[in-house]
Amino acid sequence: MTHDWPELATRRNTPSIVPALLREYGEATRRTVEYYLASDRPAPYLHDLLTDYPRRGGKMMRPCICIANARAFGARMEDAVHSAAAVEILHNALLIHDDIQDESEVRRGLPTLHALHGVPLAINAGDAMLLLAMRPLLANISTLGSHVSMRIMEETQAMARETAEGQALELGWRDGNRTDITEADYLTMVLKKTSWMATIWPAQIGLLIGSQGMADPGSVVRFGFFLGAAFQIQDDLLNLIADRSYGKELNGDLFEAKRTLMLIHARETCTEDERRTLDAFLTLQRRDRTQDKVRWLADLMDRQGSVDYARTVAGALAGAAEHEFEVAYGHLPPSPDKDFIVGLIPWVFERT
C-alpha cells in the first residue's frame, strides 16, 4: 500500500507560522482550561477525570482557529482566550462521549477514560465538562460586552444542534446497519459532525470577537466546511496507516464499522461476492470483528483504489478551501494569523 499524500493545487508546504502559533495559542488555552476546570474543594472521582484528556495534549487546532480568527479580524489574544478555552473544554467533553459510543480503546496514546474508570464515571465527567464549558463563554460578558457574548452563545447553540445531528447520522447508520450510504450522505454527515465544531464554529467565534459582532459569521462557513471535510478524510486515512504518533487505535474505524468514504467507495466498486462478505462483516458486533476480518476489509479498500480515491477527494476539498479562504479572508490585511489560517490547509495533510 502506498502512502503518498495528495498535493494541493499550490503545492505549498505548511508554513512555519502554523506550528509556532499552535504552540503559543495552545499553551495559552491550556492554562485557561486548567483555570476553569479547577475546583476550590476536593472532588473525588471527578476532578482527575475532568483534567485527564486536556492534559494528554492534542493538536489544539480548534482553539487556535478561534484565537487566530479573532486576531486576524483585529482583536487581542486575551479577548479570545476564554472562548478558546470553552472550545477546548467542549471538544474534550465530546471526545469522552464519542469514545463510549464508539467503544474506542485508545485516545491520545493512552486508554480511553471509560476504559480506565468505567462508563458511568466517564459519562459523568463528560456531562460536567459540557456544562463547565459555559463558564468561559459567560465570562466573555465582562470583556466583550453582552451583545457580542450573546452572538457567540447563539452560534454555540447552532453548532450544538448541527454536531448532534451529525453524530446521530453516523451512529444511526451503524446501528441500523445502513449499506446504502452515498458519498453525498457522508459529506453531509462530515459537515455536521466534524466541520461545524472543528473549524466553522471556532472561526465564527473568532470573527465575532475580532469584528465586535459586525462581521457575518456565515462568511466562514464554506471555508470551514471544506477545511473540516479534508481534515476528517485525512483522519480516516490516518486511522488505516498511522504509526504510534497518531494516538488512536489503528484500524479503529474498521472495527467500529464506520461508514467512511473509503468503505463507501469499496462497497460501490467491489464484486457481488465481495459485497456480500462486506455486508456480513457490517452485521457483526464489534467483538466479533476479528483482526483477520478487519485485515480483509483493509485489503479490499486497497485493491479497489478506495484509499487513493479518498486522498484525491481530500485534495480537491483542500483546493476548494483555498478558494473559499480568499473569499472569506482576502479583504483582511496581511498578518501572521491570516497566514496561520490558510496554512492549516497543507497542515491537515502533514500532521500525524
Protein backbone atom coordinates (compact mmCIF):
# COMPACT_ATOMS: atom_id res chain seq x y z
CA MET A 1 0.00 0.00 0.00
CA THR A 2 1.42 3.38 -0.99
CA HIS A 3 1.04 6.36 1.29
CA ASP A 4 1.77 9.47 -0.80
CA TRP A 5 -0.31 12.41 0.41
CA PRO A 6 -2.38 14.47 -2.07
CA GLU A 7 -0.72 17.57 -3.45
CA LEU A 8 -2.54 20.87 -3.18
CA ALA A 9 -3.02 22.92 -6.29
CA THR A 10 -0.47 25.41 -4.99
CA ARG A 11 1.95 22.67 -3.82
CA ARG A 12 2.56 24.59 -0.60
CA ASN A 13 4.16 23.12 2.48
CA THR A 14 2.93 24.05 5.92
CA PRO A 15 4.35 27.50 6.78
CA SER A 16 6.35 27.76 9.98
CA ILE A 17 3.76 30.09 11.50
CA VAL A 18 1.35 27.16 11.90
CA PRO A 19 3.33 25.08 14.42
CA ALA A 20 4.52 28.29 16.09
CA LEU A 21 1.01 29.57 16.78
CA LEU A 22 -0.29 26.09 17.62
CA ARG A 23 2.30 26.12 20.41
CA GLU A 24 1.75 29.71 21.54
CA TYR A 25 -2.03 29.82 21.39
CA GLY A 26 -2.29 26.21 22.51
CA GLU A 27 -0.31 26.88 25.68
CA ALA A 28 -2.39 29.97 26.49
CA THR A 29 -5.55 27.91 26.00
CA ARG A 30 -4.29 25.07 28.22
CA ARG A 31 -3.58 27.48 31.08
CA THR A 32 -7.08 28.92 30.76
CA VAL A 33 -8.67 25.47 30.58
CA GLU A 34 -6.88 24.50 33.80
CA TYR A 35 -8.27 27.63 35.46
CA TYR A 36 -11.86 26.83 34.50
CA LEU A 37 -11.62 23.14 35.42
CA ALA A 38 -10.03 23.83 38.82
CA SER A 39 -12.07 23.43 41.98
CA ASP A 40 -11.66 25.04 45.41
CA ARG A 41 -12.76 21.85 47.15
CA PRO A 42 -11.99 18.12 46.77
CA ALA A 43 -13.98 16.35 44.07
CA PRO A 44 -13.28 12.60 44.31
CA TYR A 45 -13.98 10.56 41.18
CA LEU A 46 -14.44 13.74 39.15
CA HIS A 47 -11.60 16.30 39.11
CA ASP A 48 -8.91 13.93 37.88
CA LEU A 49 -11.26 12.74 35.13
CA LEU A 50 -12.03 16.31 34.03
CA THR A 51 -8.38 17.15 33.53
CA ASP A 52 -7.27 13.81 32.05
CA TYR A 53 -7.93 14.33 28.33
CA PRO A 54 -6.90 18.04 28.29
CA ARG A 55 -3.59 17.17 29.95
CA ARG A 56 -2.84 14.48 27.36
CA GLY A 57 -2.11 17.19 24.84
CA GLY A 58 -3.69 17.23 21.41
CA LYS A 59 -3.09 19.35 18.34
CA MET A 60 -5.11 22.35 19.72
CA MET A 61 -6.35 23.18 16.23
CA ARG A 62 -9.85 24.24 17.32
CA PRO A 63 -8.96 26.84 19.99
CA CYS A 64 -6.13 28.15 17.82
CA ILE A 65 -8.56 28.71 14.93
CA CYS A 66 -10.67 30.75 17.34
CA ILE A 67 -7.78 32.93 18.52
CA ALA A 68 -6.26 33.35 15.05
CA ASN A 69 -9.58 34.47 13.58
CA ALA A 70 -10.09 36.95 16.41
CA ARG A 71 -6.64 38.43 15.88
CA ALA A 72 -6.92 38.43 12.08
CA PHE A 73 -10.11 40.48 12.47
CA GLY A 74 -8.45 42.90 14.88
CA ALA A 75 -8.76 41.59 18.46
CA ARG A 76 -6.15 40.84 21.10
CA MET A 77 -5.37 37.27 22.17
CA GLU A 78 -6.67 37.99 25.68
CA ASP A 79 -10.03 38.91 24.16
CA ALA A 80 -10.35 35.43 22.64
CA VAL A 81 -8.61 33.04 25.03
CA HIS A 82 -11.69 32.48 27.22
CA SER A 83 -13.73 31.47 24.20
CA ALA A 84 -10.85 29.29 23.01
CA ALA A 85 -10.87 27.54 26.39
CA ALA A 86 -14.61 26.89 26.01
CA VAL A 87 -13.95 25.37 22.59
CA GLU A 88 -11.29 23.06 24.01
CA ILE A 89 -13.32 22.02 27.08
CA LEU A 90 -16.35 21.23 24.93
CA HIS A 91 -14.21 19.31 22.45
CA ASN A 92 -12.76 17.12 25.20
CA ALA A 93 -16.21 16.53 26.68
CA LEU A 94 -17.45 15.24 23.35
CA LEU A 95 -14.36 13.06 22.97
CA ILE A 96 -15.28 11.30 26.22
CA HIS A 97 -18.80 10.63 24.97
CA ASP A 98 -17.64 9.69 21.46
CA ASP A 99 -15.21 7.13 22.85
CA ILE A 100 -18.01 5.48 24.81
CA GLN A 101 -20.39 5.48 21.85
CA ASP A 102 -17.72 4.04 19.55
CA GLU A 103 -16.37 1.58 22.13
CA SER A 104 -12.92 3.04 21.44
CA GLU A 105 -9.96 1.73 23.38
CA VAL A 106 -7.27 4.39 22.85
CA ARG A 107 -7.27 8.18 22.98
CA ARG A 108 -4.09 10.22 22.51
CA GLY A 109 -1.93 7.17 23.01
CA LEU A 110 -3.49 6.05 26.31
CA PRO A 111 -6.55 4.02 27.34
CA THR A 112 -9.83 5.89 26.95
CA LEU A 113 -11.42 7.40 30.02
CA HIS A 114 -14.19 4.80 30.23
CA ALA A 115 -11.61 2.01 29.90
CA LEU A 116 -9.77 3.45 32.90
CA HIS A 117 -12.69 4.40 35.14
CA GLY A 118 -15.79 2.70 33.77
CA VAL A 119 -18.62 4.05 31.64
CA PRO A 120 -20.73 5.70 34.39
CA LEU A 121 -17.92 7.87 35.78
CA ALA A 122 -16.73 8.76 32.28
CA ILE A 123 -20.24 9.86 31.25
CA ASN A 124 -20.49 11.95 34.41
CA ALA A 125 -17.17 13.66 33.67
CA GLY A 126 -18.22 14.36 30.08
CA ASP A 127 -21.53 15.81 31.24
CA ALA A 128 -19.74 18.06 33.74
CA MET A 129 -17.34 19.34 31.08
CA LEU A 130 -20.19 20.18 28.72
CA LEU A 131 -21.66 22.43 31.39
CA LEU A 132 -18.33 23.82 32.57
CA ALA A 133 -17.61 24.95 29.00
CA MET A 134 -20.32 27.57 29.54
CA ARG A 135 -18.29 29.31 32.28
CA PRO A 136 -15.72 30.95 29.98
CA LEU A 137 -18.46 31.88 27.50
CA LEU A 138 -20.33 33.67 30.27
CA ALA A 139 -17.06 35.31 31.37
CA ASN A 140 -16.97 36.95 27.93
CA ILE A 141 -19.64 39.39 29.04
CA SER A 142 -17.18 41.35 31.17
CA THR A 143 -14.62 41.70 28.36
CA LEU A 144 -16.66 41.60 25.13
CA GLY A 145 -19.98 43.04 26.25
CA SER A 146 -23.38 41.44 26.27
CA HIS A 147 -24.11 41.86 22.53
CA VAL A 148 -21.03 40.01 21.26
CA SER A 149 -21.29 37.43 24.04
CA MET A 150 -24.91 36.70 23.11
CA ARG A 151 -23.95 36.34 19.44
CA ILE A 152 -21.30 33.79 20.47
CA MET A 153 -23.87 31.88 22.54
CA GLU A 154 -26.25 31.84 19.57
CA GLU A 155 -23.59 30.37 17.28
CA THR A 156 -22.70 27.87 20.00
CA GLN A 157 -26.31 26.72 20.19
CA ALA A 158 -26.46 26.34 16.41
CA MET A 159 -23.21 24.35 16.42
CA ALA A 160 -24.53 22.07 19.16
CA ARG A 161 -27.57 21.17 17.08
CA GLU A 162 -25.55 20.57 13.91
CA THR A 163 -22.98 18.43 15.75
CA ALA A 164 -25.62 16.31 17.46
CA GLU A 165 -27.40 15.76 14.16
CA GLY A 166 -24.14 14.65 12.54
CA GLN A 167 -23.29 12.28 15.37
CA ALA A 168 -26.81 10.85 15.19
CA LEU A 169 -26.36 10.16 11.49
CA GLU A 170 -23.09 8.30 11.99
CA LEU A 171 -24.40 6.27 14.93
CA GLY A 172 -27.72 5.63 13.23
CA TRP A 173 -26.10 4.36 10.04
CA ARG A 174 -24.00 1.92 12.06
CA ASP A 175 -26.68 0.79 14.48
CA GLY A 176 -29.25 0.42 11.68
CA ASN A 177 -26.63 -1.31 9.50
CA ARG A 178 -27.26 1.03 6.59
CA THR A 179 -25.46 -0.09 3.44
CA ASP A 180 -26.97 2.48 1.05
CA ILE A 181 -24.93 5.46 2.27
CA THR A 182 -23.58 7.59 -0.59
CA GLU A 183 -20.63 9.93 -0.84
CA ALA A 184 -23.04 12.88 -0.63
CA ASP A 185 -24.51 11.42 2.57
CA TYR A 186 -21.02 11.08 4.00
CA LEU A 187 -20.14 14.70 3.23
CA THR A 188 -23.39 15.89 4.80
CA MET A 189 -22.53 13.95 7.95
CA VAL A 190 -18.99 15.38 7.97
CA LEU A 191 -20.32 18.93 7.58
CA LYS A 192 -22.45 18.47 10.67
CA LYS A 193 -20.37 16.18 12.86
CA THR A 194 -16.85 17.40 12.11
CA SER A 195 -16.73 20.70 10.25
CA TRP A 196 -19.22 22.61 12.33
CA MET A 197 -17.43 22.13 15.61
CA ALA A 198 -13.84 21.66 14.45
CA THR A 199 -13.49 24.55 12.02
CA ILE A 200 -16.68 26.55 11.35
CA TRP A 201 -17.70 27.36 14.93
CA PRO A 202 -14.23 28.33 16.24
CA ALA A 203 -13.77 30.58 13.19
CA GLN A 204 -17.19 32.16 13.73
CA ILE A 205 -16.46 32.90 17.38
CA GLY A 206 -13.12 34.49 16.49
CA LEU A 207 -14.70 36.54 13.72
CA LEU A 208 -17.37 37.86 16.08
CA ILE A 209 -14.77 38.78 18.71
CA GLY A 210 -12.43 40.46 16.24
CA SER A 211 -15.15 42.41 14.44
CA GLN A 212 -17.02 43.27 17.65
CA GLY A 213 -20.04 41.47 16.27
CA MET A 214 -20.12 43.40 12.99
CA ALA A 215 -18.93 40.69 10.55
CA ASP A 216 -21.25 37.98 9.23
CA PRO A 217 -20.41 34.58 10.80
CA GLY A 218 -21.86 32.92 7.74
CA SER A 219 -18.94 34.22 5.67
CA VAL A 220 -16.60 31.50 7.01
CA VAL A 221 -18.97 28.53 6.71
CA ARG A 222 -17.85 27.38 3.27
CA PHE A 223 -14.15 27.68 4.11
CA GLY A 224 -14.74 25.86 7.37
CA PHE A 225 -16.68 23.08 5.66
CA PHE A 226 -14.02 22.34 3.06
CA LEU A 227 -11.18 22.54 5.58
CA GLY A 228 -13.05 20.36 8.07
CA ALA A 229 -14.00 17.79 5.44
CA ALA A 230 -10.40 17.49 4.25
CA PHE A 231 -9.37 17.15 7.91
CA GLN A 232 -11.90 14.34 8.51
CA ILE A 233 -10.97 12.34 5.42
CA GLN A 234 -7.30 12.66 6.32
CA ASP A 235 -8.17 11.50 9.84
CA ASP A 236 -9.95 8.47 8.36
CA LEU A 237 -6.88 7.72 6.25
CA LEU A 238 -4.52 8.06 9.21
CA ASN A 239 -6.66 5.55 11.09
CA LEU A 240 -5.66 2.97 8.49
CA ILE A 241 -1.95 3.65 8.19
CA ALA A 242 -0.61 5.82 11.01
CA ASP A 243 2.10 4.86 13.48
CA ARG A 244 2.02 5.29 17.26
CA SER A 245 2.20 9.09 16.98
CA TYR A 246 -1.39 9.07 15.69
CA GLY A 247 -2.62 8.35 19.22
CA LYS A 248 -5.70 6.31 18.34
CA GLU A 249 -6.45 2.65 17.77
CA LEU A 250 -5.10 1.53 14.37
CA ASN A 251 -8.00 0.42 12.14
CA GLY A 252 -10.41 1.50 14.86
CA ASP A 253 -12.82 2.83 12.22
CA LEU A 254 -12.96 -0.62 10.64
CA PHE A 255 -13.55 -2.37 13.95
CA GLU A 256 -16.34 0.16 14.57
CA ALA A 257 -17.77 -0.31 11.04
CA LYS A 258 -17.83 3.43 10.45
CA ARG A 259 -19.19 4.49 7.09
CA THR A 260 -16.06 6.26 5.91
CA LEU A 261 -15.52 7.47 2.37
CA MET A 262 -13.19 4.51 1.77
CA LEU A 263 -15.77 1.97 2.92
CA ILE A 264 -18.49 3.57 0.79
CA HIS A 265 -16.23 3.56 -2.28
CA ALA A 266 -15.08 -0.02 -1.73
CA ARG A 267 -18.64 -1.29 -1.42
CA GLU A 268 -19.73 0.58 -4.55
CA THR A 269 -16.87 -0.77 -6.70
CA CYS A 270 -16.26 -4.34 -5.46
CA THR A 271 -17.71 -7.59 -6.86
CA GLU A 272 -21.04 -9.06 -5.73
CA ASP A 273 -19.25 -11.77 -3.74
CA GLU A 274 -17.03 -9.20 -2.04
CA ARG A 275 -20.07 -7.05 -1.30
CA ARG A 276 -21.83 -9.96 0.40
CA THR A 277 -18.74 -10.58 2.53
CA LEU A 278 -18.51 -6.88 3.38
CA ASP A 279 -22.18 -6.67 4.30
CA ALA A 280 -21.82 -9.75 6.51
CA PHE A 281 -18.89 -8.02 8.26
CA LEU A 282 -21.03 -4.96 8.92
CA THR A 283 -23.71 -7.05 10.65
CA LEU A 284 -21.23 -8.33 13.25
CA GLN A 285 -20.83 -6.95 16.74
CA ARG A 286 -17.53 -5.19 17.33
CA ARG A 287 -16.23 -8.03 19.49
CA ASP A 288 -16.79 -10.43 16.55
CA ARG A 289 -14.86 -8.33 14.03
CA THR A 290 -11.54 -10.12 14.26
CA GLN A 291 -8.14 -8.91 13.13
CA ASP A 292 -8.33 -11.23 10.10
CA LYS A 293 -11.73 -9.85 9.07
CA VAL A 294 -10.55 -6.26 9.51
CA ARG A 295 -7.40 -7.00 7.53
CA TRP A 296 -9.53 -8.41 4.70
CA LEU A 297 -11.56 -5.18 4.59
CA ALA A 298 -8.43 -3.01 4.61
CA ASP A 299 -7.02 -5.07 1.73
CA LEU A 300 -10.30 -4.72 -0.18
CA MET A 301 -10.11 -0.93 0.16
CA ASP A 302 -6.58 -1.00 -1.18
CA ARG A 303 -7.43 -3.27 -4.13
CA GLN A 304 -10.42 -1.14 -5.11
CA GLY A 305 -8.34 2.03 -5.00
CA SER A 306 -10.55 3.39 -2.22
CA VAL A 307 -7.62 4.80 -0.25
CA ASP A 308 -6.25 6.63 -3.28
CA TYR A 309 -9.75 7.82 -4.15
CA ALA A 310 -10.19 9.31 -0.67
CA ARG A 311 -6.84 11.08 -1.00
CA THR A 312 -7.99 12.57 -4.29
CA VAL A 313 -11.24 13.81 -2.78
CA ALA A 314 -9.41 15.28 0.20
CA GLY A 315 -7.04 17.08 -2.15
CA ALA A 316 -9.97 18.53 -4.10
CA LEU A 317 -11.59 19.71 -0.89
CA ALA A 318 -8.33 21.38 0.10
CA GLY A 319 -8.29 23.20 -3.22
CA ALA A 320 -11.84 24.38 -2.58
CA ALA A 321 -10.79 25.55 0.89
CA GLU A 322 -8.02 27.66 -0.67
CA HIS A 323 -10.57 29.35 -2.92
CA GLU A 324 -13.00 29.96 -0.07
CA PHE A 325 -10.20 31.35 2.08
CA GLU A 326 -9.76 34.17 -0.43
CA VAL A 327 -13.50 34.83 -0.39
CA ALA A 328 -13.73 34.94 3.39
CA TYR A 329 -10.37 36.47 4.34
CA GLY A 330 -8.99 38.12 1.21
CA HIS A 331 -10.11 41.59 2.31
CA LEU A 332 -8.14 41.42 5.57
CA PRO A 333 -4.66 42.99 5.82
CA PRO A 334 -1.66 40.63 5.88
CA SER A 335 -0.88 39.18 9.30
CA PRO A 336 0.68 36.09 10.88
CA ASP A 337 -2.80 34.98 11.93
CA LYS A 338 -4.13 35.20 8.40
CA ASP A 339 -1.11 33.16 7.26
CA PHE A 340 -1.87 30.64 10.01
CA ILE A 341 -5.46 30.17 8.87
CA VAL A 342 -4.58 29.45 5.24
CA GLY A 343 -1.55 27.44 6.38
CA LEU A 344 -3.87 24.96 8.08
CA ILE A 345 -4.82 23.62 4.64
CA PRO A 346 -1.47 21.90 3.90
CA TRP A 347 -1.02 21.20 7.64
CA VAL A 348 -4.07 18.95 7.54
CA PHE A 349 -2.13 16.55 5.33
CA GLU A 350 1.25 16.82 7.00
CA ARG A 351 0.11 16.24 10.60
CA THR A 352 0.45 12.76 12.09
